[in-house]
């Protein structure tokens, strides 16, 4: 439900004076200075603090586990849903899972250099490659990936690709080959 904070000096409402009642308080769509009065909007939470607090709930992974090799710090751009699902997968498997080098977030340049597909889910932080060369562990990872909700899986010789890209075909598993 949208409500007006008031009228501007000309007596008209403006887009800057609109906020939304979300039921959990007021989510201000735009912050405004109303005439000569100081802005009374509720301060936004610090995204850095929110990010750090969110990562504290992730038991088995850290942002740097997902960094692109040519751009440290990009692991923080991973999709939260993917990281939470991967954390749940690690719990369900009951053995360590390791993100391959370059198997988390990728810059477009790095993706091209390693032969990644165009419009790769890695470049949007929506995919992860989990190292795996053991067939028994591969079987466990695949079984449990279904249980935690992954709907896109790629099986490669040395890793399993998992992603949450809703813009691509769902409920699929494919066999991939490394490009030489």
C-alpha atoms as a PDB file:
ATOM      1  CA  UNK A   1       0.000   0.000   0.000  1.00  0.00           C
ATOM      2  CA  UNK A   2       1.490   3.307  -1.062  1.00  0.00           C
ATOM      3  CA  UNK A   3       1.002   6.465   0.943  1.00  0.00           C
ATOM      4  CA  UNK A   4       2.076  10.038   0.421  1.00  0.00           C
ATOM      5  CA  UNK A   5       4.424  11.625   2.927  1.00  0.00           C
ATOM      6  CA  UNK A   6       2.955  15.001   2.095  1.00  0.00           C
ATOM      7  CA  UNK A   7       2.958  17.652  -0.535  1.00  0.00           C
ATOM      8  CA  UNK A   8       5.838  19.660  -1.914  1.00  0.00           C
ATOM      9  CA  UNK A   9       6.110  23.438  -1.590  1.00  0.00           C
ATOM     10  CA  UNK A  10       3.788  23.880  -4.588  1.00  0.00           C
ATOM     11  CA  UNK A  11       1.149  21.770  -2.797  1.00  0.00           C
ATOM     12  CA  UNK A  12       1.564  18.743  -5.095  1.00  0.00           C
ATOM     13  CA  UNK A  13       2.597  15.197  -4.258  1.00  0.00           C
ATOM     14  CA  UNK A  14       5.682  13.908  -6.009  1.00  0.00           C
ATOM     15  CA  UNK A  15       7.241  10.494  -6.565  1.00  0.00           C
ATOM     16  CA  UNK A  16       9.908  11.422  -4.019  1.00  0.00           C
ATOM     17  CA  UNK A  17       7.208  11.657  -1.360  1.00  0.00           C
ATOM     18  CA  UNK A  18       5.953   8.072  -1.708  1.00  0.00           C
ATOM     19  CA  UNK A  19       6.746   5.172   0.574  1.00  0.00           C
ATOM     20  CA  UNK A  20       5.450   1.623   0.734  1.00  0.00           C
ATOM     21  CA  UNK A  21       3.911  -0.041   3.772  1.00  0.00           C
ATOM     22  CA  UNK A  22       5.321  -3.591   3.621  1.00  0.00           C
ATOM     23  CA  UNK A  23       3.713  -4.804   6.828  1.00  0.00           C
ATOM     24  CA  UNK A  24       7.141  -4.977   8.466  1.00  0.00           C
ATOM     25  CA  UNK A  25       7.562  -1.263   8.725  1.00  0.00           C
ATOM     26  CA  UNK A  26       8.095   1.277   6.013  1.00  0.00           C
ATOM     27  CA  UNK A  27      10.333   0.630   3.045  1.00  0.00           C
ATOM     28  CA  UNK A  28      11.116   4.003   1.624  1.00  0.00           C
ATOM     29  CA  UNK A  29      11.326   3.897  -2.134  1.00  0.00           C
ATOM     30  CA  UNK A  30      13.070   7.238  -2.357  1.00  0.00           C
ATOM     31  CA  UNK A  31      14.628   9.439   0.248  1.00  0.00           C
ATOM     32  CA  UNK A  32      13.675  13.074   0.032  1.00  0.00           C
ATOM     33  CA  UNK A  33      14.268  16.421   1.624  1.00  0.00           C
ATOM     34  CA  UNK A  34      10.904  17.953   2.295  1.00  0.00           C
ATOM     35  CA  UNK A  35      11.261  21.694   1.888  1.00  0.00           C
ATOM     36  CA  UNK A  36      13.565  23.130   4.525  1.00  0.00           C
ATOM     37  CA  UNK A  37      12.917  20.182   6.842  1.00  0.00           C
ATOM     38  CA  UNK A  38      15.529  17.555   7.477  1.00  0.00           C
ATOM     39  CA  UNK A  39      14.878  14.150   5.889  1.00  0.00           C
ATOM     40  CA  UNK A  40      13.170  11.949   8.509  1.00  0.00           C
ATOM     41  CA  UNK A  41      13.396   8.614   6.659  1.00  0.00           C
ATOM     42  CA  UNK A  42      14.606   5.521   8.478  1.00  0.00           C
ATOM     43  CA  UNK A  43      18.281   4.943   7.696  1.00  0.00           C
ATOM     44  CA  UNK A  44      18.974   1.975   5.454  1.00  0.00           C
ATOM     45  CA  UNK A  45      20.956  -0.915   6.909  1.00  0.00           C
ATOM     46  CA  UNK A  46      24.611  -1.115   5.990  1.00  0.00           C
ATOM     47  CA  UNK A  47      24.971  -3.597   3.098  1.00  0.00           C
ATOM     48  CA  UNK A  48      28.471  -4.563   4.287  1.00  0.00           C
ATOM     49  CA  UNK A  49      27.147  -5.463   7.750  1.00  0.00           C
ATOM     50  CA  UNK A  50      24.205  -7.347   6.202  1.00  0.00           C
ATOM     51  CA  UNK A  51      26.613  -9.241   3.937  1.00  0.00           C
ATOM     52  CA  UNK A  52      28.918 -10.153   6.810  1.00  0.00           C
ATOM     53  CA  UNK A  53      26.000 -11.219   8.996  1.00  0.00           C
ATOM     54  CA  UNK A  54      24.605 -13.391   6.209  1.00  0.00           C
ATOM     55  CA  UNK A  55      27.942 -15.144   5.655  1.00  0.00           C
ATOM     56  CA  UNK A  56      28.134 -15.961   9.382  1.00  0.00           C
ATOM     57  CA  UNK A  57      25.191 -18.322   8.808  1.00  0.00           C
ATOM     58  CA  UNK A  58      27.085 -20.220   6.108  1.00  0.00           C
ATOM     59  CA  UNK A  59      28.876 -23.060   7.855  1.00  0.00           C
ATOM     60  CA  UNK A  60      31.190 -24.574   5.265  1.00  0.00           C
ATOM     61  CA  UNK A  61      32.144 -21.870   2.769  1.00  0.00           C
ATOM     62  CA  UNK A  62      33.645 -18.373   2.642  1.00  0.00           C
ATOM     63  CA  UNK A  63      33.290 -15.702  -0.061  1.00  0.00           C
ATOM     64  CA  UNK A  64      36.882 -16.211  -1.200  1.00  0.00           C
ATOM     65  CA  UNK A  65      36.079 -19.868  -2.024  1.00  0.00           C
ATOM     66  CA  UNK A  66      34.102 -18.494  -4.970  1.00  0.00           C
ATOM     67  CA  UNK A  67      36.531 -15.780  -6.160  1.00  0.00           C
ATOM     68  CA  UNK A  68      37.416 -15.574  -9.838  1.00  0.00           C
ATOM     69  CA  UNK A  69      41.185 -16.202 -10.125  1.00  0.00           C
ATOM     70  CA  UNK A  70      41.696 -12.972 -12.089  1.00  0.00           C
ATOM     71  CA  UNK A  71      39.571 -10.815  -9.789  1.00  0.00           C
ATOM     72  CA  UNK A  72      39.813 -11.452  -6.010  1.00  0.00           C
ATOM     73  CA  UNK A  73      36.757 -10.378  -4.040  1.00  0.00           C
ATOM     74  CA  UNK A  74      34.224 -11.442  -6.663  1.00  0.00           C
ATOM     75  CA  UNK A  75      33.072 -14.375  -4.534  1.00  0.00           C
ATOM     76  CA  UNK A  76      30.923 -11.907  -2.627  1.00  0.00           C
ATOM     77  CA  UNK A  77      28.810 -11.581  -5.798  1.00  0.00           C
ATOM     78  CA  UNK A  78      27.592 -15.178  -5.619  1.00  0.00           C
ATOM     79  CA  UNK A  79      23.857 -15.725  -5.477  1.00  0.00           C
ATOM     80  CA  UNK A  80      22.778 -16.226  -1.861  1.00  0.00           C
ATOM     81  CA  UNK A  81      20.314 -18.990  -2.739  1.00  0.00           C
ATOM     82  CA  UNK A  82      23.073 -20.958  -4.489  1.00  0.00           C
ATOM     83  CA  UNK A  83      25.474 -20.589  -1.556  1.00  0.00           C
ATOM     84  CA  UNK A  84      22.790 -21.610   0.954  1.00  0.00           C
ATOM     85  CA  UNK A  85      21.894 -24.659  -1.159  1.00  0.00           C
ATOM     86  CA  UNK A  86      25.583 -25.590  -1.499  1.00  0.00           C
ATOM     87  CA  UNK A  87      25.999 -25.282   2.266  1.00  0.00           C
ATOM     88  CA  UNK A  88      22.992 -27.590   2.739  1.00  0.00           C
ATOM     89  CA  UNK A  89      24.461 -29.996   0.188  1.00  0.00           C
ATOM     90  CA  UNK A  90      27.750 -30.112   2.102  1.00  0.00           C
ATOM     91  CA  UNK A  91      25.829 -30.875   5.301  1.00  0.00           C
ATOM     92  CA  UNK A  92      23.852 -33.655   3.601  1.00  0.00           C
ATOM     93  CA  UNK A  93      26.920 -35.233   1.983  1.00  0.00           C
ATOM     94  CA  UNK A  94      28.797 -35.324   5.291  1.00  0.00           C
ATOM     95  CA  UNK A  95      32.163 -34.882   3.581  1.00  0.00           C
ATOM     96  CA  UNK A  96      34.014 -31.749   2.455  1.00  0.00           C
ATOM     97  CA  UNK A  97      33.080 -30.127  -0.855  1.00  0.00           C
ATOM     98  CA  UNK A  98      35.615 -27.978  -2.670  1.00  0.00           C
ATOM     99  CA  UNK A  99      34.897 -25.337  -5.294  1.00  0.00           C
ATOM    100  CA  UNK A 100      37.308 -25.791  -8.198  1.00  0.00           C
ATOM    101  CA  UNK A 101      39.691 -22.961  -9.109  1.00  0.00           C
ATOM    102  CA  UNK A 102      37.570 -20.679 -11.271  1.00  0.00           C
ATOM    103  CA  UNK A 103      34.495 -22.754 -10.484  1.00  0.00           C
ATOM    104  CA  UNK A 104      32.597 -20.033  -8.645  1.00  0.00           C
ATOM    105  CA  UNK A 105      32.096 -16.487  -9.857  1.00  0.00           C
ATOM    106  CA  UNK A 106      33.750 -15.734 -13.210  1.00  0.00           C
ATOM    107  CA  UNK A 107      34.466 -12.537 -15.036  1.00  0.00           C
ATOM    108  CA  UNK A 108      33.527 -12.639 -18.717  1.00  0.00           C
ATOM    109  CA  UNK A 109      37.224 -12.529 -19.631  1.00  0.00           C
ATOM    110  CA  UNK A 110      38.096 -15.471 -17.410  1.00  0.00           C
ATOM    111  CA  UNK A 111      35.079 -17.437 -18.618  1.00  0.00           C
ATOM    112  CA  UNK A 112      36.210 -16.986 -22.238  1.00  0.00           C
ATOM    113  CA  UNK A 113      39.806 -17.928 -21.336  1.00  0.00           C
ATOM    114  CA  UNK A 114      38.720 -21.256 -19.806  1.00  0.00           C
ATOM    115  CA  UNK A 115      36.329 -22.084 -22.662  1.00  0.00           C
ATOM    116  CA  UNK A 116      33.132 -21.427 -20.719  1.00  0.00           C
ATOM    117  CA  UNK A 117      29.835 -21.134 -22.560  1.00  0.00           C
ATOM    118  CA  UNK A 118      28.400 -17.780 -23.616  1.00  0.00           C
ATOM    119  CA  UNK A 119      26.013 -16.363 -21.031  1.00  0.00           C
ATOM    120  CA  UNK A 120      27.502 -18.675 -18.408  1.00  0.00           C
ATOM    121  CA  UNK A 121      25.674 -18.864 -15.086  1.00  0.00           C
ATOM    122  CA  UNK A 122      29.129 -18.507 -13.493  1.00  0.00           C
ATOM    123  CA  UNK A 123      29.322 -14.914 -14.763  1.00  0.00           C
ATOM    124  CA  UNK A 124      26.142 -14.081 -12.845  1.00  0.00           C
ATOM    125  CA  UNK A 125      27.180 -15.878  -9.651  1.00  0.00           C
ATOM    126  CA  UNK A 126      24.535 -18.537 -10.275  1.00  0.00           C
ATOM    127  CA  UNK A 127      26.803 -21.578 -10.732  1.00  0.00           C
ATOM    128  CA  UNK A 128      29.485 -23.516  -8.948  1.00  0.00           C
ATOM    129  CA  UNK A 129      31.787 -26.384  -9.938  1.00  0.00           C
ATOM    130  CA  UNK A 130      32.416 -28.850  -7.126  1.00  0.00           C
ATOM    131  CA  UNK A 131      35.622 -30.865  -7.427  1.00  0.00           C
ATOM    132  CA  UNK A 132      34.970 -34.588  -7.591  1.00  0.00           C
ATOM    133  CA  UNK A 133      36.973 -37.494  -9.013  1.00  0.00           C
ATOM    134  CA  UNK A 134      35.605 -40.255  -6.785  1.00  0.00           C
ATOM    135  CA  UNK A 135      32.588 -42.095  -8.246  1.00  0.00           C
ATOM    136  CA  UNK A 136      31.083 -42.898  -4.848  1.00  0.00           C
ATOM    137  CA  UNK A 137      31.249 -39.250  -3.760  1.00  0.00           C
ATOM    138  CA  UNK A 138      29.958 -38.174  -7.185  1.00  0.00           C
ATOM    139  CA  UNK A 139      26.926 -40.408  -6.655  1.00  0.00           C
ATOM    140  CA  UNK A 140      26.305 -38.918  -3.194  1.00  0.00           C
ATOM    141  CA  UNK A 141      26.686 -35.344  -4.455  1.00  0.00           C
ATOM    142  CA  UNK A 142      24.237 -35.965  -7.298  1.00  0.00           C
ATOM    143  CA  UNK A 143      21.646 -37.692  -5.085  1.00  0.00           C
ATOM    144  CA  UNK A 144      21.822 -35.022  -2.422  1.00  0.00           C
ATOM    145  CA  UNK A 145      21.809 -32.183  -4.981  1.00  0.00           C
ATOM    146  CA  UNK A 146      18.302 -33.321  -5.963  1.00  0.00           C
ATOM    147  CA  UNK A 147      17.243 -33.325  -2.315  1.00  0.00           C
ATOM    148  CA  UNK A 148      18.440 -29.773  -1.606  1.00  0.00           C
ATOM    149  CA  UNK A 149      16.770 -28.405  -4.734  1.00  0.00           C
ATOM    150  CA  UNK A 150      19.386 -28.099  -7.477  1.00  0.00           C
ATOM    151  CA  UNK A 151      17.603 -28.539 -10.800  1.00  0.00           C
ATOM    152  CA  UNK A 152      20.589 -28.085 -13.119  1.00  0.00           C
ATOM    153  CA  UNK A 153      23.562 -30.452 -12.894  1.00  0.00           C
ATOM    154  CA  UNK A 154      26.482 -31.096 -15.234  1.00  0.00           C
ATOM    155  CA  UNK A 155      28.731 -34.104 -14.779  1.00  0.00           C
ATOM    156  CA  UNK A 156      32.348 -33.658 -15.828  1.00  0.00           C
ATOM    157  CA  UNK A 157      35.389 -35.870 -15.415  1.00  0.00           C
ATOM    158  CA  UNK A 158      36.823 -33.817 -12.519  1.00  0.00           C
ATOM    159  CA  UNK A 159      33.852 -31.856 -11.186  1.00  0.00           C
ATOM    160  CA  UNK A 160      30.094 -31.508 -10.906  1.00  0.00           C
ATOM    161  CA  UNK A 161      28.521 -28.282 -12.138  1.00  0.00           C
ATOM    162  CA  UNK A 162      25.527 -27.071 -10.091  1.00  0.00           C
ATOM    163  CA  UNK A 163      23.541 -23.963 -10.879  1.00  0.00           C
ATOM    164  CA  UNK A 164      20.365 -22.072 -10.053  1.00  0.00           C
ATOM    165  CA  UNK A 165      19.933 -20.149 -13.312  1.00  0.00           C
ATOM    166  CA  UNK A 166      16.143 -19.943 -13.677  1.00  0.00           C
ATOM    167  CA  UNK A 167      16.587 -18.494 -17.181  1.00  0.00           C
ATOM    168  CA  UNK A 168      17.822 -21.847 -18.499  1.00  0.00           C
ATOM    169  CA  UNK A 169      16.206 -25.269 -18.896  1.00  0.00           C
ATOM    170  CA  UNK A 170      15.260 -26.811 -15.537  1.00  0.00           C
ATOM    171  CA  UNK A 171      15.337 -30.405 -14.279  1.00  0.00           C
ATOM    172  CA  UNK A 172      18.322 -31.292 -16.444  1.00  0.00           C
ATOM    173  CA  UNK A 173      21.539 -33.245 -16.000  1.00  0.00           C
ATOM    174  CA  UNK A 174      24.160 -33.321 -18.718  1.00  0.00           C
ATOM    175  CA  UNK A 175      27.552 -34.819 -19.376  1.00  0.00           C
ATOM    176  CA  UNK A 176      30.177 -32.226 -20.150  1.00  0.00           C
ATOM    177  CA  UNK A 177      33.590 -32.359 -21.716  1.00  0.00           C
ATOM    178  CA  UNK A 178      36.560 -30.111 -21.148  1.00  0.00           C
ATOM    179  CA  UNK A 179      37.451 -27.967 -24.131  1.00  0.00           C
ATOM    180  CA  UNK A 180      41.023 -28.242 -25.299  1.00  0.00           C
END
